[in-house]
Amino acid sequence: MVPFYLQFLLSMGKHFEILNRFMFEYFPMFNKFRAPSSILSVTAIFIPILGVLALSDIIKSDNKEQFIKPLLISSGILSGISLILWLAGGSFLILICQGMSSLNRSKMQ
């Protein structure tokens, strides 16, 4: 979890300048990131690696029952969120400006 928090702090750029200035001055090649938010692309590498490590632990474990309850809880939460989004339709995802003409609104729907 430490890499995720570190990447989040680094992606804040000038809003967390203490860490960014330190990394920029003392770590080689850190200045090659054009935008501070581009450090978040590294997260896309860490998440699958952590998933594979967790799956490996589950497969190698002798006591697989300890993984059943957390799996059911997380599946239930994900199913509930998915059901709410499905029932709500696109109402969460449509953003309309007040100055938008009715012609543009009809194109969005």
PDB file of N, CA and C in Angstrom:
ATOM      1  N   MET A   1       0.805  -1.192   0.000  1.00  0.00           N
ATOM      2  CA  MET A   1       0.000   0.000   0.000  1.00  0.00           C
ATOM      3  C   MET A   1       0.855   1.266   0.000  1.00  0.00           C
ATOM      4  N   VAL A   2       2.067   1.160   0.463  1.00  0.00           N
ATOM      5  CA  VAL A   2       2.950   2.335   0.508  1.00  0.00           C
ATOM      6  C   VAL A   2       3.183   2.920  -0.884  1.00  0.00           C
ATOM      7  N   PRO A   3       3.410   2.097  -1.922  1.00  0.00           N
ATOM      8  CA  PRO A   3       3.597   2.691  -3.250  1.00  0.00           C
ATOM      9  C   PRO A   3       2.394   3.489  -3.733  1.00  0.00           C
ATOM     10  N   PHE A   4       1.175   3.044  -3.387  1.00  0.00           N
ATOM     11  CA  PHE A   4      -0.018   3.778  -3.807  1.00  0.00           C
ATOM     12  C   PHE A   4      -0.068   5.154  -3.152  1.00  0.00           C
ATOM     13  N   TYR A   5       0.210   5.196  -1.844  1.00  0.00           N
ATOM     14  CA  TYR A   5       0.192   6.485  -1.143  1.00  0.00           C
ATOM     15  C   TYR A   5       1.303   7.397  -1.652  1.00  0.00           C
ATOM     16  N   LEU A   6       2.465   6.838  -1.906  1.00  0.00           N
ATOM     17  CA  LEU A   6       3.573   7.632  -2.429  1.00  0.00           C
ATOM     18  C   LEU A   6       3.230   8.189  -3.812  1.00  0.00           C
ATOM     19  N   GLN A   7       2.645   7.370  -4.661  1.00  0.00           N
ATOM     20  CA  GLN A   7       2.263   7.838  -5.994  1.00  0.00           C
ATOM     21  C   GLN A   7       1.184   8.903  -5.913  1.00  0.00           C
ATOM     22  N   PHE A   8       0.256   8.743  -4.981  1.00  0.00           N
ATOM     23  CA  PHE A   8      -0.786   9.756  -4.823  1.00  0.00           C
ATOM     24  C   PHE A   8      -0.178  11.090  -4.402  1.00  0.00           C
ATOM     25  N   LEU A   9       0.737  11.052  -3.453  1.00  0.00           N
ATOM     26  CA  LEU A   9       1.378  12.292  -3.007  1.00  0.00           C
ATOM     27  C   LEU A   9       2.217  12.917  -4.115  1.00  0.00           C
ATOM     28  N   LEU A  10       2.896  12.082  -4.895  1.00  0.00           N
ATOM     29  CA  LEU A  10       3.700  12.614  -5.994  1.00  0.00           C
ATOM     30  C   LEU A  10       2.828  13.199  -7.096  1.00  0.00           C
ATOM     31  N   SER A  11       1.660  12.629  -7.315  1.00  0.00           N
ATOM     32  CA  SER A  11       0.787  13.129  -8.380  1.00  0.00           C
ATOM     33  C   SER A  11       0.154  14.469  -8.029  1.00  0.00           C
ATOM     34  N   MET A  12       0.243  14.881  -6.785  1.00  0.00           N
ATOM     35  CA  MET A  12      -0.334  16.167  -6.383  1.00  0.00           C
ATOM     36  C   MET A  12       0.504  17.349  -6.862  1.00  0.00           C
ATOM     37  N   GLY A  13       1.722  17.098  -7.298  1.00  0.00           N
ATOM     38  CA  GLY A  13       2.542  18.144  -7.905  1.00  0.00           C
ATOM     39  C   GLY A  13       2.832  19.293  -6.972  1.00  0.00           C
ATOM     40  N   LYS A  14       2.494  20.496  -7.396  1.00  0.00           N
ATOM     41  CA  LYS A  14       2.816  21.688  -6.616  1.00  0.00           C
ATOM     42  C   LYS A  14       1.983  21.796  -5.339  1.00  0.00           C
ATOM     43  N   HIS A  15       0.938  21.002  -5.213  1.00  0.00           N
ATOM     44  CA  HIS A  15       0.119  21.032  -4.006  1.00  0.00           C
ATOM     45  C   HIS A  15       0.763  20.252  -2.858  1.00  0.00           C
ATOM     46  N   PHE A  16       1.767  19.469  -3.145  1.00  0.00           N
ATOM     47  CA  PHE A  16       2.570  18.779  -2.131  1.00  0.00           C
ATOM     48  C   PHE A  16       4.036  18.918  -2.547  1.00  0.00           C
ATOM     49  N   GLU A  17       4.479  20.151  -2.559  1.00  0.00           N
ATOM     50  CA  GLU A  17       5.765  20.488  -3.159  1.00  0.00           C
ATOM     51  C   GLU A  17       6.963  19.973  -2.368  1.00  0.00           C
ATOM     52  N   ILE A  18       6.819  19.724  -1.095  1.00  0.00           N
ATOM     53  CA  ILE A  18       7.946  19.262  -0.278  1.00  0.00           C
ATOM     54  C   ILE A  18       8.503  17.954  -0.847  1.00  0.00           C
ATOM     55  N   LEU A  19       7.640  16.991  -1.053  1.00  0.00           N
ATOM     56  CA  LEU A  19       8.077  15.699  -1.573  1.00  0.00           C
ATOM     57  C   LEU A  19       8.496  15.803  -3.032  1.00  0.00           C
ATOM     58  N   ASN A  20       7.755  16.538  -3.832  1.00  0.00           N
ATOM     59  CA  ASN A  20       8.078  16.645  -5.252  1.00  0.00           C
ATOM     60  C   ASN A  20       9.407  17.349  -5.487  1.00  0.00           C
ATOM     61  N   ARG A  21       9.684  18.396  -4.751  1.00  0.00           N
ATOM     62  CA  ARG A  21      10.955  19.113  -4.903  1.00  0.00           C
ATOM     63  C   ARG A  21      12.125  18.215  -4.497  1.00  0.00           C
ATOM     64  N   PHE A  22      11.937  17.460  -3.389  1.00  0.00           N
ATOM     65  CA  PHE A  22      12.978  16.532  -2.948  1.00  0.00           C
ATOM     66  C   PHE A  22      13.257  15.475  -4.017  1.00  0.00           C
ATOM     67  N   MET A  23      12.208  14.875  -4.561  1.00  0.00           N
ATOM     68  CA  MET A  23      12.382  13.842  -5.587  1.00  0.00           C
ATOM     69  C   MET A  23      13.004  14.432  -6.851  1.00  0.00           C
ATOM     70  N   PHE A  24      12.589  15.619  -7.226  1.00  0.00           N
ATOM     71  CA  PHE A  24      13.088  16.269  -8.435  1.00  0.00           C
ATOM     72  C   PHE A  24      14.588  16.561  -8.325  1.00  0.00           C
ATOM     73  N   GLU A  25      15.035  16.981  -7.153  1.00  0.00           N
ATOM     74  CA  GLU A  25      16.429  17.383  -6.994  1.00  0.00           C
ATOM     75  C   GLU A  25      17.375  16.221  -6.713  1.00  0.00           C
ATOM     76  N   TYR A  26      16.915  15.163  -6.033  1.00  0.00           N
ATOM     77  CA  TYR A  26      17.834  14.129  -5.579  1.00  0.00           C
ATOM     78  C   TYR A  26      17.694  12.780  -6.272  1.00  0.00           C
ATOM     79  N   PHE A  27      16.638  12.552  -7.028  1.00  0.00           N
ATOM     80  CA  PHE A  27      16.474  11.274  -7.707  1.00  0.00           C
ATOM     81  C   PHE A  27      16.722  11.452  -9.203  1.00  0.00           C
ATOM     82  N   PRO A  28      17.635  10.671  -9.748  1.00  0.00           N
ATOM     83  CA  PRO A  28      17.917  10.809 -11.185  1.00  0.00           C
ATOM     84  C   PRO A  28      16.714  10.346 -12.021  1.00  0.00           C
ATOM     85  N   MET A  29      16.529  10.988 -13.152  1.00  0.00           N
ATOM     86  CA  MET A  29      15.487  10.683 -14.126  1.00  0.00           C
ATOM     87  C   MET A  29      14.075  11.032 -13.650  1.00  0.00           C
ATOM     88  N   PHE A  30      13.914  11.542 -12.434  1.00  0.00           N
ATOM     89  CA  PHE A  30      12.576  11.929 -11.975  1.00  0.00           C
ATOM     90  C   PHE A  30      12.068  13.145 -12.732  1.00  0.00           C
ATOM     91  N   ASN A  31      12.970  13.988 -13.190  1.00  0.00           N
ATOM     92  CA  ASN A  31      12.560  15.199 -13.912  1.00  0.00           C
ATOM     93  C   ASN A  31      12.063  14.882 -15.322  1.00  0.00           C
ATOM     94  N   LYS A  32      12.093  13.623 -15.742  1.00  0.00           N
ATOM     95  CA  LYS A  32      11.608  13.255 -17.079  1.00  0.00           C
ATOM     96  C   LYS A  32      10.091  13.152 -17.141  1.00  0.00           C
ATOM     97  N   PHE A  33       9.422  13.122 -15.989  1.00  0.00           N
ATOM     98  CA  PHE A  33       7.966  13.125 -15.990  1.00  0.00           C
ATOM     99  C   PHE A  33       7.501  14.527 -16.377  1.00  0.00           C
ATOM    100  N   ARG A  34       6.763  14.636 -17.454  1.00  0.00           N
ATOM    101  CA  ARG A  34       6.325  15.953 -17.928  1.00  0.00           C
ATOM    102  C   ARG A  34       5.293  16.570 -16.990  1.00  0.00           C
ATOM    103  N   ALA A  35       4.368  15.777 -16.527  1.00  0.00           N
ATOM    104  CA  ALA A  35       3.340  16.267 -15.605  1.00  0.00           C
ATOM    105  C   ALA A  35       3.369  15.392 -14.359  1.00  0.00           C
ATOM    106  N   PRO A  36       3.159  15.976 -13.191  1.00  0.00           N
ATOM    107  CA  PRO A  36       3.178  15.160 -11.971  1.00  0.00           C
ATOM    108  C   PRO A  36       2.124  14.057 -11.982  1.00  0.00           C
ATOM    109  N   SER A  37       1.005  14.286 -12.643  1.00  0.00           N
ATOM    110  CA  SER A  37      -0.036  13.262 -12.665  1.00  0.00           C
ATOM    111  C   SER A  37       0.360  12.043 -13.501  1.00  0.00           C
ATOM    112  N   SER A  38       1.398  12.164 -14.306  1.00  0.00           N
ATOM    113  CA  SER A  38       1.824  11.018 -15.110  1.00  0.00           C
ATOM    114  C   SER A  38       2.437   9.913 -14.261  1.00  0.00           C
ATOM    115  N   ILE A  39       2.775  10.218 -13.015  1.00  0.00           N
ATOM    116  CA  ILE A  39       3.288   9.181 -12.113  1.00  0.00           C
ATOM    117  C   ILE A  39       2.196   8.159 -11.808  1.00  0.00           C
ATOM    118  N   LEU A  40       0.930   8.544 -11.997  1.00  0.00           N
ATOM    119  CA  LEU A  40      -0.169   7.618 -11.732  1.00  0.00           C
ATOM    120  C   LEU A  40      -0.201   6.453 -12.719  1.00  0.00           C
ATOM    121  N   SER A  41       0.479   6.597 -13.845  1.00  0.00           N
ATOM    122  CA  SER A  41       0.521   5.484 -14.791  1.00  0.00           C
ATOM    123  C   SER A  41       1.275   4.300 -14.211  1.00  0.00           C
ATOM    124  N   VAL A  42       2.129   4.537 -13.243  1.00  0.00           N
ATOM    125  CA  VAL A  42       2.850   3.446 -12.593  1.00  0.00           C
ATOM    126  C   VAL A  42       1.887   2.584 -11.780  1.00  0.00           C
ATOM    127  N   THR A  43       0.802   3.183 -11.306  1.00  0.00           N
ATOM    128  CA  THR A  43      -0.205   2.439 -10.557  1.00  0.00           C
ATOM    129  C   THR A  43      -0.804   1.330 -11.411  1.00  0.00           C
ATOM    130  N   ALA A  44      -0.932   1.579 -12.692  1.00  0.00           N
ATOM    131  CA  ALA A  44      -1.475   0.562 -13.597  1.00  0.00           C
ATOM    132  C   ALA A  44      -0.574  -0.661 -13.672  1.00  0.00           C
ATOM    133  N   ILE A  45       0.669  -0.519 -13.288  1.00  0.00           N
ATOM    134  CA  ILE A  45       1.583  -1.671 -13.245  1.00  0.00           C
ATOM    135  C   ILE A  45       1.491  -2.368 -11.893  1.00  0.00           C
ATOM    136  N   PHE A  46       1.378  -1.586 -10.804  1.00  0.00           N
ATOM    137  CA  PHE A  46       1.358  -2.170  -9.467  1.00  0.00           C
ATOM    138  C   PHE A  46       0.087  -2.961  -9.171  1.00  0.00           C
ATOM    139  N   ILE A  47      -1.058  -2.514  -9.657  1.00  0.00           N
ATOM    140  CA  ILE A  47      -2.317  -3.186  -9.330  1.00  0.00           C
ATOM    141  C   ILE A  47      -2.357  -4.623  -9.845  1.00  0.00           C
ATOM    142  N   PRO A  48      -2.028  -4.901 -11.113  1.00  0.00           N
ATOM    143  CA  PRO A  48      -2.017  -6.310 -11.544  1.00  0.00           C
ATOM    144  C   PRO A  48      -0.969  -7.151 -10.814  1.00  0.00           C
ATOM    145  N   ILE A  49       0.171  -6.557 -10.488  1.00  0.00           N
ATOM    146  CA  ILE A  49       1.196  -7.309  -9.754  1.00  0.00           C
ATOM    147  C   ILE A  49       0.666  -7.718  -8.384  1.00  0.00           C
ATOM    148  N   LEU A  50       0.013  -6.792  -7.673  1.00  0.00           N
ATOM    149  CA  LEU A  50      -0.563  -7.122  -6.372  1.00  0.00           C
ATOM    150  C   LEU A  50      -1.681  -8.156  -6.499  1.00  0.00           C
ATOM    151  N   GLY A  51      -2.462  -8.073  -7.577  1.00  0.00           N
ATOM    152  CA  GLY A  51      -3.502  -9.061  -7.810  1.00  0.00           C
ATOM    153  C   GLY A  51      -2.941 -10.457  -8.012  1.00  0.00           C
ATOM    154  N   VAL A  52      -1.869 -10.557  -8.769  1.00  0.00           N
ATOM    155  CA  VAL A  52      -1.232 -11.859  -9.003  1.00  0.00           C
ATOM    156  C   VAL A  52      -0.624 -12.395  -7.707  1.00  0.00           C
ATOM    157  N   LEU A  53      -0.020 -11.527  -6.909  1.00  0.00           N
ATOM    158  CA  LEU A  53       0.538 -11.971  -5.629  1.00  0.00           C
ATOM    159  C   LEU A  53      -0.554 -12.468  -4.685  1.00  0.00           C
ATOM    160  N   ALA A  54      -1.695 -11.762  -4.651  1.00  0.00           N
ATOM    161  CA  ALA A  54      -2.809 -12.202  -3.808  1.00  0.00           C
ATOM    162  C   ALA A  54      -3.364 -13.533  -4.297  1.00  0.00           C
ATOM    163  N   LEU A  55      -3.513 -13.683  -5.593  1.00  0.00           N
ATOM    164  CA  LEU A  55      -4.003 -14.948  -6.152  1.00  0.00           C
ATOM    165  C   LEU A  55      -3.038 -16.085  -5.856  1.00  0.00           C
ATOM    166  N   SER A  56      -1.766 -15.804  -5.918  1.00  0.00           N
ATOM    167  CA  SER A  56      -0.752 -16.809  -5.594  1.00  0.00           C
ATOM    168  C   SER A  56      -0.860 -17.239  -4.131  1.00  0.00           C
ATOM    169  N   ASP A  57      -1.096 -16.279  -3.230  1.00  0.00           N
ATOM    170  CA  ASP A  57      -1.261 -16.622  -1.812  1.00  0.00           C
ATOM    171  C   ASP A  57      -2.499 -17.476  -1.585  1.00  0.00           C
ATOM    172  N   ILE A  58      -3.571 -17.156  -2.305  1.00  0.00           N
ATOM    173  CA  ILE A  58      -4.804 -17.937  -2.149  1.00  0.00           C
ATOM    174  C   ILE A  58      -4.594 -19.361  -2.638  1.00  0.00           C
ATOM    175  N   ILE A  59      -3.923 -19.524  -3.757  1.00  0.00           N
ATOM    176  CA  ILE A  59      -3.709 -20.861  -4.314  1.00  0.00           C
ATOM    177  C   ILE A  59      -2.782 -21.690  -3.430  1.00  0.00           C
ATOM    178  N   LYS A  60      -1.736 -21.069  -2.881  1.00  0.00           N
ATOM    179  CA  LYS A  60      -0.765 -21.794  -2.056  1.00  0.00           C
ATOM    180  C   LYS A  60      -1.252 -22.049  -0.634  1.00  0.00           C
ATOM    181  N   SER A  61      -2.312 -21.367  -0.212  1.00  0.00           N
ATOM    182  CA  SER A  61      -2.794 -21.475   1.159  1.00  0.00           C
ATOM    183  C   SER A  61      -3.454 -22.820   1.417  1.00  0.00           C
ATOM    184  N   ASP A  62      -3.237 -23.351   2.619  1.00  0.00           N
ATOM    185  CA  ASP A  62      -3.898 -24.589   3.008  1.00  0.00           C
ATOM    186  C   ASP A  62      -5.298 -24.320   3.541  1.00  0.00           C
ATOM    187  N   ASN A  63      -5.503 -23.145   4.129  1.00  0.00           N
ATOM    188  CA  ASN A  63      -6.784 -22.780   4.715  1.00  0.00           C
ATOM    189  C   ASN A  63      -7.496 -21.794   3.793  1.00  0.00           C
ATOM    190  N   LYS A  64      -8.202 -22.301   2.817  1.00  0.00           N
ATOM    191  CA  LYS A  64      -8.872 -21.442   1.844  1.00  0.00           C
ATOM    192  C   LYS A  64     -10.164 -20.823   2.394  1.00  0.00           C
ATOM    193  N   GLU A  65     -10.668 -21.350   3.527  1.00  0.00           N
ATOM    194  CA  GLU A  65     -11.899 -20.817   4.097  1.00  0.00           C
ATOM    195  C   GLU A  65     -11.729 -19.388   4.603  1.00  0.00           C
ATOM    196  N   GLN A  66     -10.506 -19.005   4.945  1.00  0.00           N
ATOM    197  CA  GLN A  66     -10.291 -17.652   5.449  1.00  0.00           C
ATOM    198  C   GLN A  66     -10.471 -16.599   4.358  1.00  0.00           C
ATOM    199  N   PHE A  67     -10.429 -17.008   3.099  1.00  0.00           N
ATOM    200  CA  PHE A  67     -10.592 -16.077   1.986  1.00  0.00           C
ATOM    201  C   PHE A  67     -12.038 -15.980   1.500  1.00  0.00           C
ATOM    202  N   ILE A  68     -12.896 -16.908   1.923  1.00  0.00           N
ATOM    203  CA  ILE A  68     -14.271 -16.952   1.423  1.00  0.00           C
ATOM    204  C   ILE A  68     -15.085 -15.752   1.902  1.00  0.00           C
ATOM    205  N   LYS A  69     -15.053 -15.450   3.212  1.00  0.00           N
ATOM    206  CA  LYS A  69     -15.866 -14.347   3.748  1.00  0.00           C
ATOM    207  C   LYS A  69     -15.471 -12.995   3.145  1.00  0.00           C
ATOM    208  N   PRO A  70     -14.173 -12.628   3.101  1.00  0.00           N
ATOM    209  CA  PRO A  70     -13.824 -11.345   2.462  1.00  0.00           C
ATOM    210  C   PRO A  70     -14.208 -11.301   0.980  1.00  0.00           C
ATOM    211  N   LEU A  71     -14.115 -12.441   0.292  1.00  0.00           N
ATOM    212  CA  LEU A  71     -14.493 -12.491  -1.114  1.00  0.00           C
ATOM    213  C   LEU A  71     -15.989 -12.256  -1.285  1.00  0.00           C
ATOM    214  N   LEU A  72     -16.802 -12.867  -0.426  1.00  0.00           N
ATOM    215  CA  LEU A  72     -18.245 -12.674  -0.501  1.00  0.00           C
ATOM    216  C   LEU A  72     -18.636 -11.236  -0.148  1.00  0.00           C
ATOM    217  N   ILE A  73     -17.979 -10.651   0.836  1.00  0.00           N
ATOM    218  CA  ILE A  73     -18.279  -9.267   1.221  1.00  0.00           C
ATOM    219  C   ILE A  73     -17.937  -8.307   0.086  1.00  0.00           C
ATOM    220  N   SER A  74     -16.754  -8.450  -0.486  1.00  0.00           N
ATOM    221  CA  SER A  74     -16.357  -7.542  -1.574  1.00  0.00           C
ATOM    222  C   SER A  74     -17.217  -7.755  -2.815  1.00  0.00           C
ATOM    223  N   SER A  75     -17.602  -8.999  -3.083  1.00  0.00           N
ATOM    224  CA  SER A  75     -18.494  -9.259  -4.222  1.00  0.00           C
ATOM    225  C   SER A  75     -19.865  -8.635  -3.993  1.00  0.00           C
ATOM    226  N   GLY A  76     -20.360  -8.713  -2.766  1.00  0.00           N
ATOM    227  CA  GLY A  76     -21.651  -8.107  -2.452  1.00  0.00           C
ATOM    228  C   GLY A  76     -21.627  -6.594  -2.590  1.00  0.00           C
ATOM    229  N   ILE A  77     -20.547  -5.969  -2.122  1.00  0.00           N
ATOM    230  CA  ILE A  77     -20.429  -4.511  -2.247  1.00  0.00           C
ATOM    231  C   ILE A  77     -20.369  -4.105  -3.708  1.00  0.00           C
ATOM    232  N   LEU A  78     -19.558  -4.802  -4.496  1.00  0.00           N
ATOM    233  CA  LEU A  78     -19.446  -4.491  -5.921  1.00  0.00           C
ATOM    234  C   LEU A  78     -20.774  -4.710  -6.639  1.00  0.00           C
ATOM    235  N   SER A  79     -21.477  -5.787  -6.286  1.00  0.00           N
ATOM    236  CA  SER A  79     -22.781  -6.047  -6.904  1.00  0.00           C
ATOM    237  C   SER A  79     -23.786  -4.964  -6.535  1.00  0.00           C
ATOM    238  N   GLY A  80     -23.779  -4.514  -5.286  1.00  0.00           N
ATOM    239  CA  GLY A  80     -24.693  -3.462  -4.855  1.00  0.00           C
ATOM    240  C   GLY A  80     -24.438  -2.155  -5.580  1.00  0.00           C
ATOM    241  N   ILE A  81     -23.178  -1.769  -5.706  1.00  0.00           N
ATOM    242  CA  ILE A  81     -22.843  -0.539  -6.425  1.00  0.00           C
ATOM    243  C   ILE A  81     -23.236  -0.657  -7.892  1.00  0.00           C
ATOM    244  N   SER A  82     -22.983  -1.808  -8.489  1.00  0.00           N
ATOM    245  CA  SER A  82     -23.347  -2.018  -9.892  1.00  0.00           C
ATOM    246  C   SER A  82     -24.855  -1.955 -10.087  1.00  0.00           C
ATOM    247  N   LEU A  83     -25.605  -2.530  -9.158  1.00  0.00           N
ATOM    248  CA  LEU A  83     -27.061  -2.510  -9.244  1.00  0.00           C
ATOM    249  C   LEU A  83     -27.587  -1.078  -9.132  1.00  0.00           C
ATOM    250  N   ILE A  84     -27.037  -0.299  -8.211  1.00  0.00           N
ATOM    251  CA  ILE A  84     -27.471   1.098  -8.056  1.00  0.00           C
ATOM    252  C   ILE A  84     -27.192   1.890  -9.333  1.00  0.00           C
ATOM    253  N   LEU A  85     -26.009   1.723  -9.904  1.00  0.00           N
ATOM    254  CA  LEU A  85     -25.672   2.443 -11.138  1.00  0.00           C
ATOM    255  C   LEU A  85     -26.538   1.989 -12.306  1.00  0.00           C
ATOM    256  N   TRP A  86     -26.871   0.699 -12.360  1.00  0.00           N
ATOM    257  CA  TRP A  86     -27.712   0.188 -13.440  1.00  0.00           C
ATOM    258  C   TRP A  86     -29.134   0.726 -13.307  1.00  0.00           C
ATOM    259  N   LEU A  87     -29.666   0.749 -12.068  1.00  0.00           N
ATOM    260  CA  LEU A  87     -31.026   1.239 -11.860  1.00  0.00           C
ATOM    261  C   LEU A  87     -31.135   2.740 -12.092  1.00  0.00           C
ATOM    262  N   ALA A  88     -30.091   3.473 -11.772  1.00  0.00           N
ATOM    263  CA  ALA A  88     -30.118   4.926 -11.934  1.00  0.00           C
ATOM    264  C   ALA A  88     -29.953   5.331 -13.386  1.00  0.00           C
ATOM    265  N   GLY A  89     -29.572   4.419 -14.232  1.00  0.00           N
ATOM    266  CA  GLY A  89     -29.378   4.730 -15.642  1.00  0.00           C
ATOM    267  C   GLY A  89     -28.203   5.663 -15.833  1.00  0.00           C
ATOM    268  N   GLY A  90     -28.367   6.604 -16.699  1.00  0.00           N
ATOM    269  CA  GLY A  90     -27.284   7.538 -16.964  1.00  0.00           C
ATOM    270  C   GLY A  90     -27.374   8.818 -16.160  1.00  0.00           C
ATOM    271  N   SER A  91     -28.263   8.859 -15.159  1.00  0.00           N
ATOM    272  CA  SER A  91     -28.459  10.110 -14.425  1.00  0.00           C
ATOM    273  C   SER A  91     -27.214  10.547 -13.666  1.00  0.00           C
ATOM    274  N   PHE A  92     -26.357   9.616 -13.275  1.00  0.00           N
ATOM    275  CA  PHE A  92     -25.123   9.983 -12.590  1.00  0.00           C
ATOM    276  C   PHE A  92     -24.068  10.497 -13.559  1.00  0.00           C
ATOM    277  N   LEU A  93     -24.170  10.091 -14.798  1.00  0.00           N
ATOM    278  CA  LEU A  93     -23.088  10.329 -15.735  1.00  0.00           C
ATOM    279  C   LEU A  93     -23.350  11.448 -16.728  1.00  0.00           C
ATOM    280  N   ILE A  94     -24.538  12.040 -16.722  1.00  0.00           N
ATOM    281  CA  ILE A  94     -24.836  13.122 -17.663  1.00  0.00           C
ATOM    282  C   ILE A  94     -24.567  14.455 -16.988  1.00  0.00           C
ATOM    283  N   LEU A  95     -23.696  15.232 -17.570  1.00  0.00           N
ATOM    284  CA  LEU A  95     -23.374  16.556 -17.064  1.00  0.00           C
ATOM    285  C   LEU A  95     -23.796  17.572 -18.109  1.00  0.00           C
ATOM    286  N   ILE A  96     -24.709  18.462 -17.754  1.00  0.00           N
ATOM    287  CA  ILE A  96     -25.224  19.447 -18.699  1.00  0.00           C
ATOM    288  C   ILE A  96     -24.974  20.834 -18.137  1.00  0.00           C
ATOM    289  N   CYS A  97     -24.383  21.701 -18.935  1.00  0.00           N
ATOM    290  CA  CYS A  97     -24.151  23.093 -18.545  1.00  0.00           C
ATOM    291  C   CYS A  97     -25.431  23.877 -18.731  1.00  0.00           C
ATOM    292  N   GLN A  98     -25.587  24.958 -17.969  1.00  0.00           N
ATOM    293  CA  GLN A  98     -26.793  25.768 -18.079  1.00  0.00           C
ATOM    294  C   GLN A  98     -26.869  26.476 -19.424  1.00  0.00           C
ATOM    295  N   GLY A  99     -25.748  26.837 -20.012  1.00  0.00           N
ATOM    296  CA  GLY A  99     -25.750  27.562 -21.266  1.00  0.00           C
ATOM    297  C   GLY A  99     -25.908  26.682 -22.490  1.00  0.00           C
ATOM    298  N   MET A 100     -26.069  25.407 -22.313  1.00  0.00           N
ATOM    299  CA  MET A 100     -26.145  24.489 -23.438  1.00  0.00           C
ATOM    300  C   MET A 100     -27.514  24.604 -24.123  1.00  0.00           C
ATOM    301  N   SER A 101     -27.512  24.647 -25.421  1.00  0.00           N
ATOM    302  CA  SER A 101     -28.781  24.767 -26.151  1.00  0.00           C
ATOM    303  C   SER A 101     -29.532  23.445 -26.129  1.00  0.00           C
ATOM    304  N   SER A 102     -30.832  23.508 -26.432  1.00  0.00           N
ATOM    305  CA  SER A 102     -31.636  22.290 -26.436  1.00  0.00           C
ATOM    306  C   SER A 102     -31.198  21.337 -27.532  1.00  0.00           C
ATOM    307  N   LEU A 103     -30.624  21.860 -28.607  1.00  0.00           N
ATOM    308  CA  LEU A 103     -30.136  20.998 -29.692  1.00  0.00           C
ATOM    309  C   LEU A 103     -28.986  20.132 -29.193  1.00  0.00           C
ATOM    310  N   ASN A 104     -28.048  20.732 -28.466  1.00  0.00           N
ATOM    311  CA  ASN A 104     -26.929  19.961 -27.920  1.00  0.00           C
ATOM    312  C   ASN A 104     -27.374  18.978 -26.861  1.00  0.00           C
ATOM    313  N   ARG A 105     -28.403  19.334 -26.081  1.00  0.00           N
ATOM    314  CA  ARG A 105     -28.921  18.403 -25.066  1.00  0.00           C
ATOM    315  C   ARG A 105     -29.508  17.165 -25.723  1.00  0.00           C
ATOM    316  N   SER A 106     -30.217  17.355 -26.813  1.00  0.00           N
ATOM    317  CA  SER A 106     -30.833  16.199 -27.456  1.00  0.00           C
ATOM    318  C   SER A 106     -29.778  15.280 -28.066  1.00  0.00           C
ATOM    319  N   LYS A 107     -28.629  15.827 -28.478  1.00  0.00           N
ATOM    320  CA  LYS A 107     -27.558  14.988 -29.012  1.00  0.00           C
ATOM    321  C   LYS A 107     -26.931  14.126 -27.919  1.00  0.00           C
ATOM    322  N   MET A 108     -26.906  14.661 -26.689  1.00  0.00           N
ATOM    323  CA  MET A 108     -26.287  13.913 -25.595  1.00  0.00           C
ATOM    324  C   MET A 108     -27.153  12.749 -25.148  1.00  0.00           C
ATOM    325  N   GLN A 109     -28.480  12.869 -25.298  1.00  0.00           N
ATOM    326  CA  GLN A 109     -29.367  11.810 -24.800  1.00  0.00           C
ATOM    327  C   GLN A 109     -29.642  10.811 -25.836  1.00  0.00           C
TER     328      GLN A 109
END
